[in-house]
Structure formats: C-alpha cells, structure tokens
PDB file of N, CA and C in Angstrom:
ATOM      1  N   MET A   1      88.601 101.619  -2.606  1.00  0.00           N
ATOM      2  CA  MET A   1      89.538 102.154  -1.490  1.00  0.00           C
ATOM      3  C   MET A   1      89.027 101.800  -0.167  1.00  0.00           C
ATOM      4  N   GLY A   2      89.894 101.344   0.659  1.00  0.00           N
ATOM      5  CA  GLY A   2      89.636 100.980   1.979  1.00  0.00           C
ATOM      6  C   GLY A   2      89.396 102.364   2.777  1.00  0.00           C
ATOM      7  N   ASN A   3      88.812 102.018   3.961  1.00  0.00           N
ATOM      8  CA  ASN A   3      88.547 103.309   4.928  1.00  0.00           C
ATOM      9  C   ASN A   3      89.795 103.475   5.755  1.00  0.00           C
ATOM     10  N   ASP A   4      89.659 104.636   6.481  1.00  0.00           N
ATOM     11  CA  ASP A   4      90.941 104.993   7.314  1.00  0.00           C
ATOM     12  C   ASP A   4      91.148 104.041   8.418  1.00  0.00           C
ATOM     13  N   ARG A   5      90.189 103.326   9.014  1.00  0.00           N
ATOM     14  CA  ARG A   5      90.383 102.413  10.019  1.00  0.00           C
ATOM     15  C   ARG A   5      91.308 101.257   9.411  1.00  0.00           C
ATOM     16  N   GLU A   6      90.869 100.714   8.270  1.00  0.00           N
ATOM     17  CA  GLU A   6      91.552  99.629   7.742  1.00  0.00           C
ATOM     18  C   GLU A   6      93.113 100.051   7.434  1.00  0.00           C
ATOM     19  N   GLY A   7      93.381 101.234   7.101  1.00  0.00           N
ATOM     20  CA  GLY A   7      94.702 101.725   6.841  1.00  0.00           C
ATOM     21  C   GLY A   7      95.389 101.791   8.228  1.00  0.00           C
ATOM     22  N   THR A   8      94.733 102.195   9.132  1.00  0.00           N
ATOM     23  CA  THR A   8      95.446 102.332  10.547  1.00  0.00           C
ATOM     24  C   THR A   8      95.633 100.875  11.059  1.00  0.00           C
ATOM     25  N   VAL A   9      94.799 100.096  10.901  1.00  0.00           N
ATOM     26  CA  VAL A   9      94.978  98.619  11.424  1.00  0.00           C
ATOM     27  C   VAL A   9      96.186  98.038  10.602  1.00  0.00           C
ATOM     28  N   ARG A  10      96.134  98.213   9.196  1.00  0.00           N
ATOM     29  CA  ARG A  10      97.259  97.599   8.520  1.00  0.00           C
ATOM     30  C   ARG A  10      98.628  98.156   8.867  1.00  0.00           C
ATOM     31  N   ARG A  11      98.683  99.381   9.194  1.00  0.00           N
ATOM     32  CA  ARG A  11      99.894 100.140   9.596  1.00  0.00           C
ATOM     33  C   ARG A  11     100.455  99.385  10.903  1.00  0.00           C
ATOM     34  N   ALA A  12      99.480  99.053  11.708  1.00  0.00           N
ATOM     35  CA  ALA A  12      99.912  98.488  13.112  1.00  0.00           C
ATOM     36  C   ALA A  12     100.300  96.873  12.947  1.00  0.00           C
ATOM     37  N   VAL A  13     100.097  96.284  11.808  1.00  0.00           N
ATOM     38  CA  VAL A  13     100.417  94.831  11.671  1.00  0.00           C
ATOM     39  C   VAL A  13     101.869  94.689  11.812  1.00  0.00           C
ATOM     40  N   ARG A  14     102.219  93.679  12.628  1.00  0.00           N
ATOM     41  CA  ARG A  14     103.632  93.262  12.730  1.00  0.00           C
ATOM     42  C   ARG A  14     104.268  92.890  11.451  1.00  0.00           C
ATOM     43  N   ALA A  15     105.460  93.514  11.202  1.00  0.00           N
ATOM     44  CA  ALA A  15     106.252  93.279   9.911  1.00  0.00           C
ATOM     45  C   ALA A  15     106.898  91.891  10.065  1.00  0.00           C
ATOM     46  N   GLY A  16     106.964  91.158   8.918  1.00  0.00           N
ATOM     47  CA  GLY A  16     107.794  89.949   8.932  1.00  0.00           C
ATOM     48  C   GLY A  16     109.044  90.123   8.163  1.00  0.00           C
ATOM     49  N   ASP A  17     109.885  89.098   8.119  1.00  0.00           N
ATOM     50  CA  ASP A  17     111.132  89.231   7.352  1.00  0.00           C
ATOM     51  C   ASP A  17     110.979  89.479   5.917  1.00  0.00           C
ATOM     52  N   ASP A  18     109.956  88.958   5.177  1.00  0.00           N
ATOM     53  CA  ASP A  18     109.739  89.036   3.951  1.00  0.00           C
ATOM     54  C   ASP A  18     109.275  90.567   3.606  1.00  0.00           C
ATOM     55  N   ASP A  19     108.581  91.195   4.514  1.00  0.00           N
ATOM     56  CA  ASP A  19     108.194  92.627   4.542  1.00  0.00           C
ATOM     57  C   ASP A  19     109.500  93.501   4.522  1.00  0.00           C
ATOM     58  N   ARG A  20     110.245  93.171   5.458  1.00  0.00           N
ATOM     59  CA  ARG A  20     111.577  93.950   5.654  1.00  0.00           C
ATOM     60  C   ARG A  20     112.409  93.836   4.346  1.00  0.00           C
ATOM     61  N   GLU A  21     112.518  92.611   3.816  1.00  0.00           N
ATOM     62  CA  GLU A  21     113.269  92.469   2.696  1.00  0.00           C
ATOM     63  C   GLU A  21     112.732  93.279   1.423  1.00  0.00           C
ATOM     64  N   GLY A  22     111.450  93.123   1.342  1.00  0.00           N
ATOM     65  CA  GLY A  22     110.788  93.935   0.222  1.00  0.00           C
ATOM     66  C   GLY A  22     111.032  95.375   0.355  1.00  0.00           C
ATOM     67  N   THR A  23     111.059  95.967   1.434  1.00  0.00           N
ATOM     68  CA  THR A  23     111.336  97.293   1.660  1.00  0.00           C
ATOM     69  C   THR A  23     112.841  97.679   1.242  1.00  0.00           C
ATOM     70  N   VAL A  24     113.755  96.722   1.708  1.00  0.00           N
ATOM     71  CA  VAL A  24     115.151  96.852   1.362  1.00  0.00           C
ATOM     72  C   VAL A  24     115.339  96.956  -0.167  1.00  0.00           C
ATOM     73  N   ARG A  25     114.655  95.993  -0.873  1.00  0.00           N
ATOM     74  CA  ARG A  25     114.778  96.047  -2.319  1.00  0.00           C
ATOM     75  C   ARG A  25     114.142  97.325  -2.839  1.00  0.00           C
ATOM     76  N   ARG A  26     113.197  97.887  -2.384  1.00  0.00           N
ATOM     77  CA  ARG A  26     112.600  99.117  -2.858  1.00  0.00           C
ATOM     78  C   ARG A  26     113.624 100.174  -2.623  1.00  0.00           C
ATOM     79  N   LEU A  27     114.384 100.109  -1.498  1.00  0.00           N
ATOM     80  CA  LEU A  27     115.401 101.256  -1.215  1.00  0.00           C
ATOM     81  C   LEU A  27     116.604 101.034  -2.070  1.00  0.00           C
ATOM     82  N   GLN A  28     116.921  99.852  -2.482  1.00  0.00           N
ATOM     83  CA  GLN A  28     118.042  99.509  -3.341  1.00  0.00           C
ATOM     84  C   GLN A  28     117.712 100.114  -4.731  1.00  0.00           C
ATOM     85  N   ARG A  29     116.410 100.045  -5.216  1.00  0.00           N
ATOM     86  CA  ARG A  29     115.990 100.697  -6.435  1.00  0.00           C
ATOM     87  C   ARG A  29     116.106 102.212  -6.414  1.00  0.00           C
ATOM     88  N   GLY A  30     115.757 102.791  -5.172  1.00  0.00           N
ATOM     89  CA  GLY A  30     115.867 104.197  -4.960  1.00  0.00           C
ATOM     90  C   GLY A  30     117.303 104.794  -5.078  1.00  0.00           C
ATOM     91  N   LEU A  31     118.215 103.886  -4.510  1.00  0.00           N
ATOM     92  CA  LEU A  31     119.570 104.181  -4.565  1.00  0.00           C
ATOM     93  C   LEU A  31     120.092 104.096  -6.012  1.00  0.00           C
ATOM     94  N   ALA A  32     119.747 103.082  -6.758  1.00  0.00           N
ATOM     95  CA  ALA A  32     120.295 102.983  -8.082  1.00  0.00           C
ATOM     96  C   ALA A  32     119.669 104.020  -9.000  1.00  0.00           C
ATOM     97  N   GLU A  33     118.505 104.417  -8.704  1.00  0.00           N
ATOM     98  CA  GLU A  33     117.953 105.559  -9.633  1.00  0.00           C
ATOM     99  C   GLU A  33     118.352 106.895  -9.061  1.00  0.00           C
ATOM    100  N   GLY A  34     119.060 107.010  -8.176  1.00  0.00           N
ATOM    101  CA  GLY A  34     119.749 108.271  -7.718  1.00  0.00           C
ATOM    102  C   GLY A  34     118.786 109.113  -6.848  1.00  0.00           C
ATOM    103  N   ARG A  35     117.710 108.400  -6.310  1.00  0.00           N
ATOM    104  CA  ARG A  35     116.676 109.122  -5.454  1.00  0.00           C
ATOM    105  C   ARG A  35     117.215 109.221  -4.091  1.00  0.00           C
ATOM    106  N   LEU A  36     118.053 108.320  -3.656  1.00  0.00           N
ATOM    107  CA  LEU A  36     118.545 108.322  -2.256  1.00  0.00           C
ATOM    108  C   LEU A  36     120.150 108.415  -2.498  1.00  0.00           C
ATOM    109  N   ASP A  37     120.802 109.006  -1.448  1.00  0.00           N
ATOM    110  CA  ASP A  37     122.301 108.899  -1.392  1.00  0.00           C
ATOM    111  C   ASP A  37     122.720 107.825  -0.624  1.00  0.00           C
ATOM    112  N   VAL A  38     123.942 107.476  -0.479  1.00  0.00           N
ATOM    113  CA  VAL A  38     124.392 106.434   0.245  1.00  0.00           C
ATOM    114  C   VAL A  38     124.082 106.500   1.652  1.00  0.00           C
ATOM    115  N   ALA A  39     124.294 107.573   2.266  1.00  0.00           N
ATOM    116  CA  ALA A  39     124.029 107.831   3.707  1.00  0.00           C
ATOM    117  C   ALA A  39     122.513 107.531   4.008  1.00  0.00           C
ATOM    118  N   GLU A  40     121.709 108.169   3.174  1.00  0.00           N
ATOM    119  CA  GLU A  40     120.334 107.941   3.442  1.00  0.00           C
ATOM    120  C   GLU A  40     119.796 106.528   3.264  1.00  0.00           C
ATOM    121  N   PHE A  41     120.382 105.884   2.165  1.00  0.00           N
ATOM    122  CA  PHE A  41     120.178 104.466   2.093  1.00  0.00           C
ATOM    123  C   PHE A  41     120.576 103.603   3.145  1.00  0.00           C
ATOM    124  N   ASP A  42     121.654 103.869   3.677  1.00  0.00           N
ATOM    125  CA  ASP A  42     122.203 103.181   4.743  1.00  0.00           C
ATOM    126  C   ASP A  42     121.365 103.213   5.986  1.00  0.00           C
ATOM    127  N   GLU A  43     120.942 104.521   6.334  1.00  0.00           N
ATOM    128  CA  GLU A  43     120.142 104.889   7.484  1.00  0.00           C
ATOM    129  C   GLU A  43     118.724 104.131   7.338  1.00  0.00           C
ATOM    130  N   ARG A  44     118.293 104.275   6.258  1.00  0.00           N
ATOM    131  CA  ARG A  44     116.777 103.498   5.958  1.00  0.00           C
ATOM    132  C   ARG A  44     116.850 102.055   6.033  1.00  0.00           C
ATOM    133  N   VAL A  45     117.968 101.509   5.471  1.00  0.00           N
ATOM    134  CA  VAL A  45     118.057 100.070   5.564  1.00  0.00           C
ATOM    135  C   VAL A  45     118.223  99.536   7.078  1.00  0.00           C
ATOM    136  N   ARG A  46     118.979 100.318   7.805  1.00  0.00           N
ATOM    137  CA  ARG A  46     119.076  99.933   9.361  1.00  0.00           C
ATOM    138  C   ARG A  46     117.696  99.972   9.876  1.00  0.00           C
ATOM    139  N   ALA A  47     116.866 101.107   9.535  1.00  0.00           N
ATOM    140  CA  ALA A  47     115.485 101.175   9.979  1.00  0.00           C
ATOM    141  C   ALA A  47     114.657 100.151   9.587  1.00  0.00           C
ATOM    142  N   ALA A  48     114.902  99.612   8.425  1.00  0.00           N
ATOM    143  CA  ALA A  48     113.936  98.672   7.830  1.00  0.00           C
ATOM    144  C   ALA A  48     114.201  97.304   8.724  1.00  0.00           C
ATOM    145  N   TYR A  49     115.371  97.018   8.909  1.00  0.00           N
ATOM    146  CA  TYR A  49     115.683  95.828   9.696  1.00  0.00           C
ATOM    147  C   TYR A  49     115.299  95.843  11.188  1.00  0.00           C
ATOM    148  N   ALA A  50     115.131  97.120  11.689  1.00  0.00           N
ATOM    149  CA  ALA A  50     114.647  97.282  12.998  1.00  0.00           C
ATOM    150  C   ALA A  50     113.242  97.451  13.067  1.00  0.00           C
ATOM    151  N   ALA A  51     112.521  97.689  11.918  1.00  0.00           N
ATOM    152  CA  ALA A  51     110.989  98.013  12.001  1.00  0.00           C
ATOM    153  C   ALA A  51     110.309  96.866  12.606  1.00  0.00           C
ATOM    154  N   ARG A  52     109.253  97.214  13.330  1.00  0.00           N
ATOM    155  CA  ARG A  52     108.358  96.098  13.980  1.00  0.00           C
ATOM    156  C   ARG A  52     107.086  96.210  13.200  1.00  0.00           C
ATOM    157  N   THR A  53     106.517  97.300  12.515  1.00  0.00           N
ATOM    158  CA  THR A  53     105.237  97.274  11.929  1.00  0.00           C
ATOM    159  C   THR A  53     105.278  97.643  10.496  1.00  0.00           C
ATOM    160  N   LEU A  54     104.328  97.310   9.840  1.00  0.00           N
ATOM    161  CA  LEU A  54     104.179  97.589   8.274  1.00  0.00           C
ATOM    162  C   LEU A  54     104.195  99.163   8.159  1.00  0.00           C
ATOM    163  N   GLY A  55     103.562  99.853   9.073  1.00  0.00           N
ATOM    164  CA  GLY A  55     103.593 101.391   9.063  1.00  0.00           C
ATOM    165  C   GLY A  55     104.952 102.011   9.051  1.00  0.00           C
ATOM    166  N   GLU A  56     105.796 101.356   9.879  1.00  0.00           N
ATOM    167  CA  GLU A  56     107.199 101.812  10.102  1.00  0.00           C
ATOM    168  C   GLU A  56     107.873 101.596   8.685  1.00  0.00           C
ATOM    169  N   LEU A  57     107.785 100.519   8.060  1.00  0.00           N
ATOM    170  CA  LEU A  57     108.272 100.164   6.785  1.00  0.00           C
ATOM    171  C   LEU A  57     107.738 101.114   5.673  1.00  0.00           C
ATOM    172  N   ALA A  58     106.363 101.338   5.724  1.00  0.00           N
ATOM    173  CA  ALA A  58     105.817 102.166   4.720  1.00  0.00           C
ATOM    174  C   ALA A  58     106.466 103.510   4.778  1.00  0.00           C
ATOM    175  N   ASP A  59     106.680 103.992   5.996  1.00  0.00           N
ATOM    176  CA  ASP A  59     107.216 105.523   6.149  1.00  0.00           C
ATOM    177  C   ASP A  59     108.634 105.576   5.586  1.00  0.00           C
ATOM    178  N   LEU A  60     109.410 104.417   5.465  1.00  0.00           N
ATOM    179  CA  LEU A  60     110.675 104.496   4.916  1.00  0.00           C
ATOM    180  C   LEU A  60     110.697 104.630   3.442  1.00  0.00           C
ATOM    181  N   THR A  61     109.595 104.390   2.739  1.00  0.00           N
ATOM    182  CA  THR A  61     109.585 104.583   1.286  1.00  0.00           C
ATOM    183  C   THR A  61     108.545 105.444   0.692  1.00  0.00           C
ATOM    184  N   ALA A  62     107.915 106.230   1.695  1.00  0.00           N
ATOM    185  CA  ALA A  62     106.756 107.009   1.359  1.00  0.00           C
ATOM    186  C   ALA A  62     107.198 108.136   0.416  1.00  0.00           C
ATOM    187  N   ASP A  63     108.424 108.561   0.300  1.00  0.00           N
ATOM    188  CA  ASP A  63     108.815 109.608  -0.665  1.00  0.00           C
ATOM    189  C   ASP A  63     109.369 108.998  -1.954  1.00  0.00           C
ATOM    190  N   LEU A  64     109.390 107.778  -2.049  1.00  0.00           N
ATOM    191  CA  LEU A  64     109.818 107.048  -3.262  1.00  0.00           C
ATOM    192  C   LEU A  64     108.562 106.852  -4.224  1.00  0.00           C
ATOM    193  N   PRO A  65     108.799 106.735  -5.587  1.00  0.00           N
ATOM    194  CA  PRO A  65     107.619 106.353  -6.441  1.00  0.00           C
ATOM    195  C   PRO A  65     107.094 104.967  -6.215  1.00  0.00           C
ATOM    196  N   PRO A  66     105.957 104.644  -6.506  1.00  0.00           N
ATOM    197  CA  PRO A  66     105.503 103.335  -6.233  1.00  0.00           C
ATOM    198  C   PRO A  66     106.345 102.244  -7.241  1.00  0.00           C
ATOM    199  N   ASP A  67     106.240 101.058  -6.810  1.00  0.00           N
ATOM    200  CA  ASP A  67     107.030  99.976  -7.564  1.00  0.00           C
ATOM    201  C   ASP A  67     106.842 100.013  -9.146  1.00  0.00           C
ATOM    202  N   ARG A  68     105.605 100.303  -9.600  1.00  0.00           N
ATOM    203  CA  ARG A  68     105.228 100.306 -11.001  1.00  0.00           C
ATOM    204  C   ARG A  68     105.056 101.831 -11.401  1.00  0.00           C
ATOM    205  N   TRP A  69     106.129 102.581 -11.471  1.00  0.00           N
ATOM    206  CA  TRP A  69     106.090 103.953 -11.630  1.00  0.00           C
ATOM    207  C   TRP A  69     106.048 104.238 -13.186  1.00  0.00           C
TER     208      TRP A  69
END
C-alpha cells in the first residue's frame, strides 16, 4: 500500500481523455445497476468531462463499488 503523499500526488495528476472515458463507463455501470438515477448520472458525466485531475474523477465514483465487486 502506498503512502499518503503518493496518493495525494496521484490525485493531482492531470486527467486524460482515456481517464475521463473510463470514469464515464463506470458511471454507466452504476446507472445500469440502479445505483445512480438519471439526474445524478447526467450531473456526474458532465463533471467527468470537465474534470482536470484524477482526484476529481475519483470523487465522482467514490460511492460506487470497485470495478471487480
């Protein structure tokens, strides 16, 4: 397990298009599983495409189960 500094640095790394698309796919799974309603999904997708850092993207899916649940 990494230390807190590594986690902080990773959160500050600039997000790329692939990172944003991965987050949107995760949000789509959350919608399909009934974990998000349509309004929440729409709000989070807009925020994902506007996100500048990996931390911002992580915050959008923090309340969803991990990919391999």
